Amino acid sequence: MNMMQSFNDTIDYLETVLDNEIDEKRVTQLSGYSYPMFSRLFSILTDVTLSEYLRSRRLTEAAMTVRDTEEKIIDIAFKYGYESSDSFGAAFKTFHGCTPSEVRNGKPFKLFSRARLALTIRGGKSMNITIQKKKACTVAGINEQNIHSSLCPRVWDKLYAKYSHDELARLGEGQSVGVCHDVENPSTINYMAGYIVADAEHAISMGLTF
């Protein structure tokens, strides 16, 4: 529940600065994650990148401002981060399918609603489980032994508290993986939060384990 509240509080903040600069420190305070990590979490949860979401929300708010006010189009363009009326008009038409002037004259436009994280309950259905074989790879990260499975997210928190996604991504192809290994006690697991790496020596120099 805390994660849900933090996520929604962060979105609420971002909605207040659609026409201004984003304070990345404020995002960290509200979400508990660095701005790059929150962006990654957002894309995982919504299947939309945070930058694309913010662009769509800005163009939606811009269209509403065009429709509901007498502000000059060029002023609205500057307000929502565009350097010229031409660049604003091109982005506006690509997104809405019409020009700002047409919207001002009553033409309908596209609405992109704000994100909200909500609890849903899934289950009660049968699932087909498959086991897939992958090519051998090297994973480096932070490892915790004999923990309850509910504590796995904390291992990721520890990893990202010490390293940024960009730092870890440069070690290989940028793919993160969670590895459950050498399970002996049925009530606990050994878990690694890590990245597939191609440069093992660099990973060792960073203090990562394998």
C-alpha atoms as a PDB file:
ATOM      1  CA  MET A   1       0.000   0.000   0.000  1.00  0.00           C
ATOM      2  CA  ASN A   2       2.883   2.394   0.804  1.00  0.00           C
ATOM      3  CA  MET A   3       4.332   1.911  -2.672  1.00  0.00           C
ATOM      4  CA  MET A   4       0.936   2.618  -4.216  1.00  0.00           C
ATOM      5  CA  GLN A   5       0.532   5.820  -2.225  1.00  0.00           C
ATOM      6  CA  SER A   6       4.085   6.939  -3.014  1.00  0.00           C
ATOM      7  CA  PHE A   7       3.565   6.282  -6.724  1.00  0.00           C
ATOM      8  CA  ASN A   8       0.315   8.241  -6.803  1.00  0.00           C
ATOM      9  CA  ASP A   9       1.794  11.108  -4.757  1.00  0.00           C
ATOM     10  CA  THR A  10       4.640  11.320  -7.265  1.00  0.00           C
ATOM     11  CA  ILE A  11       2.219  11.407 -10.209  1.00  0.00           C
ATOM     12  CA  ASP A  12       0.210  14.104  -8.415  1.00  0.00           C
ATOM     13  CA  TYR A  13       3.394  16.172  -8.147  1.00  0.00           C
ATOM     14  CA  LEU A  14       4.340  15.640 -11.804  1.00  0.00           C
ATOM     15  CA  GLU A  15       0.855  16.790 -12.810  1.00  0.00           C
ATOM     16  CA  THR A  16       1.483  20.117 -11.066  1.00  0.00           C
ATOM     17  CA  VAL A  17       4.626  20.794 -13.103  1.00  0.00           C
ATOM     18  CA  LEU A  18       3.484  19.903 -16.601  1.00  0.00           C
ATOM     19  CA  ASP A  19       4.115  23.547 -17.462  1.00  0.00           C
ATOM     20  CA  ASN A  20       7.340  23.819 -15.471  1.00  0.00           C
ATOM     21  CA  GLU A  21      10.648  22.112 -14.704  1.00  0.00           C
ATOM     22  CA  ILE A  22      10.619  18.791 -12.835  1.00  0.00           C
ATOM     23  CA  ASP A  23      12.471  18.808  -9.517  1.00  0.00           C
ATOM     24  CA  GLU A  24      14.113  15.364  -9.545  1.00  0.00           C
ATOM     25  CA  LYS A  25      14.915  15.612  -5.824  1.00  0.00           C
ATOM     26  CA  ARG A  26      11.208  16.078  -5.119  1.00  0.00           C
ATOM     27  CA  VAL A  27      10.460  12.947  -7.143  1.00  0.00           C
ATOM     28  CA  THR A  28      12.966  11.051  -5.017  1.00  0.00           C
ATOM     29  CA  GLN A  29      11.417  12.374  -1.788  1.00  0.00           C
ATOM     30  CA  LEU A  30       7.911  11.355  -2.835  1.00  0.00           C
ATOM     31  CA  SER A  31       8.618   8.025  -4.524  1.00  0.00           C
ATOM     32  CA  GLY A  32      11.619   6.769  -2.565  1.00  0.00           C
ATOM     33  CA  TYR A  33      13.478   6.168  -5.839  1.00  0.00           C
ATOM     34  CA  SER A  34      15.890   8.185  -7.914  1.00  0.00           C
ATOM     35  CA  TYR A  35      14.298   9.863 -10.935  1.00  0.00           C
ATOM     36  CA  PRO A  36      15.825   7.317 -13.398  1.00  0.00           C
ATOM     37  CA  MET A  37      14.633   4.421 -11.230  1.00  0.00           C
ATOM     38  CA  PHE A  38      11.147   5.885 -10.874  1.00  0.00           C
ATOM     39  CA  SER A  39      11.036   6.336 -14.667  1.00  0.00           C
ATOM     40  CA  ARG A  40      11.930   2.665 -15.085  1.00  0.00           C
ATOM     41  CA  LEU A  41       9.340   1.588 -12.515  1.00  0.00           C
ATOM     42  CA  PHE A  42       6.715   3.728 -14.255  1.00  0.00           C
ATOM     43  CA  SER A  43       7.363   2.094 -17.625  1.00  0.00           C
ATOM     44  CA  ILE A  44       7.183  -1.394 -16.063  1.00  0.00           C
ATOM     45  CA  LEU A  45       3.831  -0.647 -14.416  1.00  0.00           C
ATOM     46  CA  THR A  46       2.203   1.211 -17.307  1.00  0.00           C
ATOM     47  CA  ASP A  47       3.923  -0.045 -20.505  1.00  0.00           C
ATOM     48  CA  VAL A  48       4.521   3.639 -21.356  1.00  0.00           C
ATOM     49  CA  THR A  49       7.753   5.518 -20.788  1.00  0.00           C
ATOM     50  CA  LEU A  50       7.533   8.382 -18.318  1.00  0.00           C
ATOM     51  CA  SER A  51       8.749  10.870 -20.925  1.00  0.00           C
ATOM     52  CA  GLU A  52       6.038   9.756 -23.371  1.00  0.00           C
ATOM     53  CA  TYR A  53       3.412   9.941 -20.631  1.00  0.00           C
ATOM     54  CA  LEU A  54       4.424  13.476 -19.678  1.00  0.00           C
ATOM     55  CA  ARG A  55       4.491  14.568 -23.327  1.00  0.00           C
ATOM     56  CA  SER A  56       0.973  13.176 -23.863  1.00  0.00           C
ATOM     57  CA  ARG A  57      -0.305  14.823 -20.695  1.00  0.00           C
ATOM     58  CA  ARG A  58       1.229  18.175 -21.684  1.00  0.00           C
ATOM     59  CA  LEU A  59      -0.399  18.035 -25.115  1.00  0.00           C
ATOM     60  CA  THR A  60      -3.729  17.151 -23.517  1.00  0.00           C
ATOM     61  CA  GLU A  61      -3.506  20.070 -21.082  1.00  0.00           C
ATOM     62  CA  ALA A  62      -2.341  22.341 -23.907  1.00  0.00           C
ATOM     63  CA  ALA A  63      -5.402  21.431 -25.970  1.00  0.00           C
ATOM     64  CA  MET A  64      -7.696  22.194 -23.046  1.00  0.00           C
ATOM     65  CA  THR A  65      -5.961  25.555 -22.584  1.00  0.00           C
ATOM     66  CA  VAL A  66      -6.421  26.304 -26.284  1.00  0.00           C
ATOM     67  CA  ARG A  67     -10.109  25.423 -26.064  1.00  0.00           C
ATOM     68  CA  ASP A  68     -10.946  27.117 -22.787  1.00  0.00           C
ATOM     69  CA  THR A  69      -8.890  30.326 -22.865  1.00  0.00           C
ATOM     70  CA  GLU A  70      -7.990  33.198 -25.160  1.00  0.00           C
ATOM     71  CA  GLU A  71      -4.239  32.783 -24.605  1.00  0.00           C
ATOM     72  CA  LYS A  72      -2.113  33.160 -27.710  1.00  0.00           C
ATOM     73  CA  ILE A  73      -1.032  29.882 -29.303  1.00  0.00           C
ATOM     74  CA  ILE A  74       2.626  30.901 -29.089  1.00  0.00           C
ATOM     75  CA  ASP A  75       2.284  31.571 -25.342  1.00  0.00           C
ATOM     76  CA  ILE A  76       0.698  28.148 -24.827  1.00  0.00           C
ATOM     77  CA  ALA A  77       3.530  26.578 -26.823  1.00  0.00           C
ATOM     78  CA  PHE A  78       6.149  28.204 -24.560  1.00  0.00           C
ATOM     79  CA  LYS A  79       4.125  27.309 -21.455  1.00  0.00           C
ATOM     80  CA  TYR A  80       4.260  23.590 -22.246  1.00  0.00           C
ATOM     81  CA  GLY A  81       7.927  23.471 -23.211  1.00  0.00           C
ATOM     82  CA  TYR A  82       7.976  24.084 -26.965  1.00  0.00           C
ATOM     83  CA  GLU A  83      10.482  26.516 -28.437  1.00  0.00           C
ATOM     84  CA  SER A  84       8.293  27.739 -31.287  1.00  0.00           C
ATOM     85  CA  SER A  85       4.707  27.713 -32.509  1.00  0.00           C
ATOM     86  CA  ASP A  86       5.815  25.558 -35.460  1.00  0.00           C
ATOM     87  CA  SER A  87       7.265  22.779 -33.287  1.00  0.00           C
ATOM     88  CA  PHE A  88       4.215  22.970 -31.012  1.00  0.00           C
ATOM     89  CA  GLY A  89       1.826  22.878 -33.969  1.00  0.00           C
ATOM     90  CA  ALA A  90       3.566  19.848 -35.497  1.00  0.00           C
ATOM     91  CA  ALA A  91       3.535  17.889 -32.211  1.00  0.00           C
ATOM     92  CA  PHE A  92      -0.056  18.981 -31.527  1.00  0.00           C
ATOM     93  CA  LYS A  93      -1.301  17.829 -34.944  1.00  0.00           C
ATOM     94  CA  THR A  94       0.552  14.502 -34.734  1.00  0.00           C
ATOM     95  CA  PHE A  95      -1.002  13.802 -31.328  1.00  0.00           C
ATOM     96  CA  HIS A  96      -4.511  15.245 -31.752  1.00  0.00           C
ATOM     97  CA  GLY A  97      -4.985  14.913 -35.498  1.00  0.00           C
ATOM     98  CA  CYS A  98      -5.826  18.599 -35.852  1.00  0.00           C
ATOM     99  CA  THR A  99      -4.204  22.010 -35.366  1.00  0.00           C
ATOM    100  CA  PRO A 100      -4.502  24.265 -32.303  1.00  0.00           C
ATOM    101  CA  SER A 101      -6.552  26.724 -34.358  1.00  0.00           C
ATOM    102  CA  GLU A 102      -9.012  23.988 -35.298  1.00  0.00           C
ATOM    103  CA  VAL A 103      -9.419  23.034 -31.630  1.00  0.00           C
ATOM    104  CA  ARG A 104     -10.008  26.685 -30.754  1.00  0.00           C
ATOM    105  CA  ASN A 105     -12.757  26.711 -33.375  1.00  0.00           C
ATOM    106  CA  GLY A 106     -14.477  23.736 -31.788  1.00  0.00           C
ATOM    107  CA  LYS A 107     -12.888  20.645 -33.320  1.00  0.00           C
ATOM    108  CA  PRO A 108     -12.638  17.671 -30.878  1.00  0.00           C
ATOM    109  CA  PHE A 109      -9.228  16.562 -29.669  1.00  0.00           C
ATOM    110  CA  LYS A 110      -7.599  13.558 -28.021  1.00  0.00           C
ATOM    111  CA  LEU A 111      -7.663  13.179 -24.235  1.00  0.00           C
ATOM    112  CA  PHE A 112      -4.836  11.280 -22.528  1.00  0.00           C
ATOM    113  CA  SER A 113      -5.906  10.604 -18.945  1.00  0.00           C
ATOM    114  CA  ARG A 114      -3.601  10.825 -15.940  1.00  0.00           C
ATOM    115  CA  ALA A 115      -2.113   7.650 -14.474  1.00  0.00           C
ATOM    116  CA  ARG A 116      -3.274   6.225 -11.179  1.00  0.00           C
ATOM    117  CA  LEU A 117      -2.003   3.085  -9.485  1.00  0.00           C
ATOM    118  CA  ALA A 118      -4.829   0.978  -8.041  1.00  0.00           C
ATOM    119  CA  LEU A 119      -5.041  -2.412  -6.372  1.00  0.00           C
ATOM    120  CA  THR A 120      -6.515  -5.219  -8.460  1.00  0.00           C
ATOM    121  CA  ILE A 121      -7.010  -8.827  -7.447  1.00  0.00           C
ATOM    122  CA  ARG A 122      -6.229 -11.530  -9.959  1.00  0.00           C
ATOM    123  CA  GLY A 123      -6.439 -15.260  -9.706  1.00  0.00           C
ATOM    124  CA  GLY A 124      -8.995 -18.021  -9.442  1.00  0.00           C
ATOM    125  CA  LYS A 125      -8.045 -19.307 -12.873  1.00  0.00           C
ATOM    126  CA  SER A 126      -5.835 -22.141 -14.046  1.00  0.00           C
ATOM    127  CA  MET A 127      -2.479 -21.249 -15.578  1.00  0.00           C
ATOM    128  CA  ASN A 128      -0.251 -23.111 -17.967  1.00  0.00           C
ATOM    129  CA  ILE A 129       3.312 -23.133 -16.645  1.00  0.00           C
ATOM    130  CA  THR A 130       6.267 -23.619 -18.954  1.00  0.00           C
ATOM    131  CA  ILE A 131       9.973 -24.023 -18.246  1.00  0.00           C
ATOM    132  CA  GLN A 132      12.257 -22.285 -20.694  1.00  0.00           C
ATOM    133  CA  LYS A 133      15.957 -22.869 -21.205  1.00  0.00           C
ATOM    134  CA  LYS A 134      18.119 -19.813 -21.720  1.00  0.00           C
ATOM    135  CA  LYS A 135      21.690 -19.492 -22.894  1.00  0.00           C
ATOM    136  CA  ALA A 136      24.279 -19.357 -20.118  1.00  0.00           C
ATOM    137  CA  CYS A 137      25.001 -15.842 -18.906  1.00  0.00           C
ATOM    138  CA  THR A 138      26.842 -14.064 -16.089  1.00  0.00           C
ATOM    139  CA  VAL A 139      24.820 -12.129 -13.539  1.00  0.00           C
ATOM    140  CA  ALA A 140      26.330  -9.669 -11.070  1.00  0.00           C
ATOM    141  CA  GLY A 141      24.541  -7.769  -8.360  1.00  0.00           C
ATOM    142  CA  ILE A 142      23.658  -7.897  -4.681  1.00  0.00           C
ATOM    143  CA  ASN A 143      22.892 -11.234  -3.088  1.00  0.00           C
ATOM    144  CA  GLU A 144      20.875 -11.963   0.066  1.00  0.00           C
ATOM    145  CA  GLN A 145      20.726 -15.412   1.620  1.00  0.00           C
ATOM    146  CA  ASN A 146      17.999 -17.160   3.604  1.00  0.00           C
ATOM    147  CA  ILE A 147      15.345 -14.466   3.250  1.00  0.00           C
ATOM    148  CA  HIS A 148      11.596 -14.690   2.889  1.00  0.00           C
ATOM    149  CA  SER A 149      10.397 -14.153  -0.691  1.00  0.00           C
ATOM    150  CA  SER A 150       8.463 -11.040   0.399  1.00  0.00           C
ATOM    151  CA  LEU A 151      11.821  -9.309   1.051  1.00  0.00           C
ATOM    152  CA  CYS A 152      13.034  -9.568  -2.560  1.00  0.00           C
ATOM    153  CA  PRO A 153      12.057  -5.950  -3.387  1.00  0.00           C
ATOM    154  CA  ARG A 154      14.374  -4.786  -0.576  1.00  0.00           C
ATOM    155  CA  VAL A 155      17.307  -6.429  -2.353  1.00  0.00           C
ATOM    156  CA  TRP A 156      16.545  -4.282  -5.404  1.00  0.00           C
ATOM    157  CA  ASP A 157      16.323  -1.219  -3.165  1.00  0.00           C
ATOM    158  CA  LYS A 158      19.816  -1.987  -1.842  1.00  0.00           C
ATOM    159  CA  LEU A 159      21.147  -2.395  -5.369  1.00  0.00           C
ATOM    160  CA  TYR A 160      19.749   0.907  -6.619  1.00  0.00           C
ATOM    161  CA  ALA A 161      20.799   2.713  -3.450  1.00  0.00           C
ATOM    162  CA  LYS A 162      24.428   2.008  -4.418  1.00  0.00           C
ATOM    163  CA  TYR A 163      24.283   2.023  -8.229  1.00  0.00           C
ATOM    164  CA  SER A 164      22.183   3.732 -10.874  1.00  0.00           C
ATOM    165  CA  HIS A 165      20.440   1.817 -13.649  1.00  0.00           C
ATOM    166  CA  ASP A 166      22.721   3.494 -16.198  1.00  0.00           C
ATOM    167  CA  GLU A 167      25.857   2.319 -14.368  1.00  0.00           C
ATOM    168  CA  LEU A 168      24.589  -1.249 -14.226  1.00  0.00           C
ATOM    169  CA  ALA A 169      23.277  -1.233 -17.782  1.00  0.00           C
ATOM    170  CA  ARG A 170      26.717  -0.334 -19.124  1.00  0.00           C
ATOM    171  CA  LEU A 171      28.056  -3.662 -17.830  1.00  0.00           C
ATOM    172  CA  GLY A 172      26.167  -5.564 -20.512  1.00  0.00           C
ATOM    173  CA  GLU A 173      22.965  -5.227 -22.515  1.00  0.00           C
ATOM    174  CA  GLY A 174      21.037  -3.428 -19.798  1.00  0.00           C
ATOM    175  CA  GLN A 175      18.911  -6.434 -18.806  1.00  0.00           C
ATOM    176  CA  SER A 176      18.093  -6.780 -15.105  1.00  0.00           C
ATOM    177  CA  VAL A 177      17.237 -10.170 -13.625  1.00  0.00           C
ATOM    178  CA  GLY A 178      16.171 -11.559 -10.275  1.00  0.00           C
ATOM    179  CA  VAL A 179      17.822 -14.896  -9.500  1.00  0.00           C
ATOM    180  CA  CYS A 180      16.572 -17.386  -6.917  1.00  0.00           C
ATOM    181  CA  HIS A 181      19.337 -19.953  -6.347  1.00  0.00           C
ATOM    182  CA  ASP A 182      20.571 -22.842  -4.196  1.00  0.00           C
ATOM    183  CA  VAL A 183      17.307 -23.224  -2.300  1.00  0.00           C
ATOM    184  CA  GLU A 184      17.621 -25.707   0.544  1.00  0.00           C
ATOM    185  CA  ASN A 185      15.188 -24.433   3.151  1.00  0.00           C
ATOM    186  CA  PRO A 186      11.597 -24.440   1.763  1.00  0.00           C
ATOM    187  CA  SER A 187      10.654 -21.448   3.914  1.00  0.00           C
ATOM    188  CA  THR A 188      13.478 -19.144   2.707  1.00  0.00           C
ATOM    189  CA  ILE A 189      15.354 -18.391  -0.498  1.00  0.00           C
ATOM    190  CA  ASN A 190      18.707 -17.081  -1.654  1.00  0.00           C
ATOM    191  CA  TYR A 191      18.035 -14.137  -3.963  1.00  0.00           C
ATOM    192  CA  MET A 192      20.171 -11.940  -6.175  1.00  0.00           C
ATOM    193  CA  ALA A 193      19.069  -8.650  -7.708  1.00  0.00           C
ATOM    194  CA  GLY A 194      21.411  -8.097 -10.599  1.00  0.00           C
ATOM    195  CA  TYR A 195      22.185  -7.444 -14.234  1.00  0.00           C
ATOM    196  CA  ILE A 196      23.467  -9.662 -17.015  1.00  0.00           C
ATOM    197  CA  VAL A 197      27.063  -8.550 -17.517  1.00  0.00           C
ATOM    198  CA  ALA A 198      29.626  -8.865 -20.275  1.00  0.00           C
ATOM    199  CA  ASP A 199      32.423  -7.064 -18.404  1.00  0.00           C
ATOM    200  CA  ALA A 200      32.976  -9.212 -15.316  1.00  0.00           C
ATOM    201  CA  GLU A 201      36.154  -7.388 -14.239  1.00  0.00           C
ATOM    202  CA  HIS A 202      34.362  -4.045 -14.207  1.00  0.00           C
ATOM    203  CA  ALA A 203      31.536  -5.586 -12.185  1.00  0.00           C
ATOM    204  CA  ILE A 204      34.046  -6.879  -9.639  1.00  0.00           C
ATOM    205  CA  SER A 205      35.724  -3.469  -9.415  1.00  0.00           C
ATOM    206  CA  MET A 206      32.322  -1.956  -8.600  1.00  0.00           C
ATOM    207  CA  GLY A 207      31.916  -4.352  -5.674  1.00  0.00           C
ATOM    208  CA  LEU A 208      29.206  -6.523  -7.214  1.00  0.00           C
ATOM    209  CA  THR A 209      28.959 -10.225  -6.468  1.00  0.00           C
ATOM    210  CA  PHE A 210      28.274 -13.141  -8.809  1.00  0.00           C
END
